[in-house]
Amino acid sequence: MFYRDHNPPHFHAVYAQFEALIDIEKNEVFSGYLPPRVLGIVTEWTALHQKELMDNWDRARRQEILLNIEPLV
């Protein structure tokens, strides 16, 4: 997630040479590509943490420090 990023609310998921932009509310890729196994992990994590991700999106828009979100274990 980057400060002053464009809508829709999203984050950047990077794996090896792949990168995708994940729409937080729809929990889907709207740009880029991740291998299917990795995308499954990312979408599971996003579903579990949608509220925290949206809170961080709002914090980024206000130029505030982003909070850590627990990894998928």
Protein backbone atom coordinates (compact mmCIF):
# COMPACT_ATOMS: atom_id res chain seq x y z
CA MET A 1 0.00 0.00 0.00
CA PHE A 2 1.35 3.40 -0.93
CA TYR A 3 0.55 6.88 0.34
CA ARG A 4 -1.34 9.05 -2.16
CA ASP A 5 -2.22 6.02 -4.27
CA HIS A 6 -5.20 6.03 -6.66
CA ASN A 7 -8.63 4.52 -6.13
CA PRO A 8 -10.02 1.90 -5.81
CA PRO A 9 -8.69 1.05 -2.34
CA HIS A 10 -6.04 -1.57 -2.99
CA PHE A 11 -2.65 -2.96 -2.09
CA HIS A 12 0.27 -4.27 -4.11
CA ALA A 13 1.07 -7.97 -3.74
CA VAL A 14 4.56 -8.97 -4.93
CA TYR A 15 5.85 -12.50 -5.38
CA ALA A 16 9.16 -13.20 -7.17
CA GLN A 17 8.92 -11.36 -10.50
CA PHE A 18 5.11 -11.06 -10.30
CA GLU A 19 3.05 -8.15 -8.99
CA ALA A 20 -0.69 -7.63 -8.76
CA LEU A 21 -2.92 -4.87 -7.47
CA ILE A 22 -5.64 -6.29 -5.23
CA ASP A 23 -8.93 -4.44 -4.80
CA ILE A 24 -9.60 -4.61 -1.06
CA GLU A 25 -13.40 -4.40 -1.22
CA LYS A 26 -13.86 -6.87 -4.10
CA ASN A 27 -10.89 -9.05 -3.06
CA GLU A 28 -9.78 -9.50 -6.64
CA VAL A 29 -6.89 -8.60 -8.92
CA PHE A 30 -7.59 -5.55 -11.06
CA SER A 31 -4.09 -5.21 -12.51
CA GLY A 32 -1.11 -7.52 -12.88
CA TYR A 33 -0.73 -11.23 -12.22
CA LEU A 34 0.08 -13.70 -9.44
CA PRO A 35 0.45 -17.46 -9.90
CA PRO A 36 -2.76 -19.29 -8.89
CA ARG A 37 -1.36 -20.81 -5.67
CA VAL A 38 -0.04 -17.44 -4.51
CA LEU A 39 -3.26 -15.67 -5.49
CA GLY A 40 -5.22 -18.17 -3.36
CA ILE A 41 -3.10 -17.33 -0.33
CA VAL A 42 -3.42 -13.58 -0.95
CA THR A 43 -7.21 -13.71 -1.37
CA GLU A 44 -7.59 -15.81 1.79
CA TRP A 45 -5.47 -13.30 3.75
CA THR A 46 -7.40 -10.36 2.26
CA ALA A 47 -10.74 -11.90 3.27
CA LEU A 48 -9.52 -12.33 6.84
CA HIS A 49 -8.18 -8.77 7.09
CA GLN A 50 -10.47 -6.60 4.96
CA LYS A 51 -11.33 -4.26 7.82
CA GLU A 52 -7.67 -3.74 8.78
CA LEU A 53 -6.75 -3.19 5.13
CA MET A 54 -9.48 -0.57 4.70
CA ASP A 55 -8.40 1.09 7.95
CA ASN A 56 -4.83 1.25 6.62
CA TRP A 57 -6.08 2.62 3.30
CA ASP A 58 -7.85 5.42 5.19
CA ARG A 59 -4.73 6.02 7.30
CA ALA A 60 -2.57 6.25 4.15
CA ARG A 61 -4.96 8.79 2.63
CA ARG A 62 -4.54 10.90 5.79
CA GLN A 63 -0.73 10.48 5.61
CA GLU A 64 -0.71 8.53 8.91
CA ILE A 65 1.51 5.60 9.84
CA LEU A 66 0.12 2.28 8.64
CA LEU A 67 -0.49 -0.46 11.19
CA ASN A 68 0.98 -3.95 10.83
CA ILE A 69 -1.41 -6.71 9.82
CA GLU A 70 -0.82 -10.27 10.96
CA PRO A 71 0.45 -12.65 8.28
CA LEU A 72 -1.43 -15.78 7.24
CA VAL A 73 -0.01 -18.59 9.35
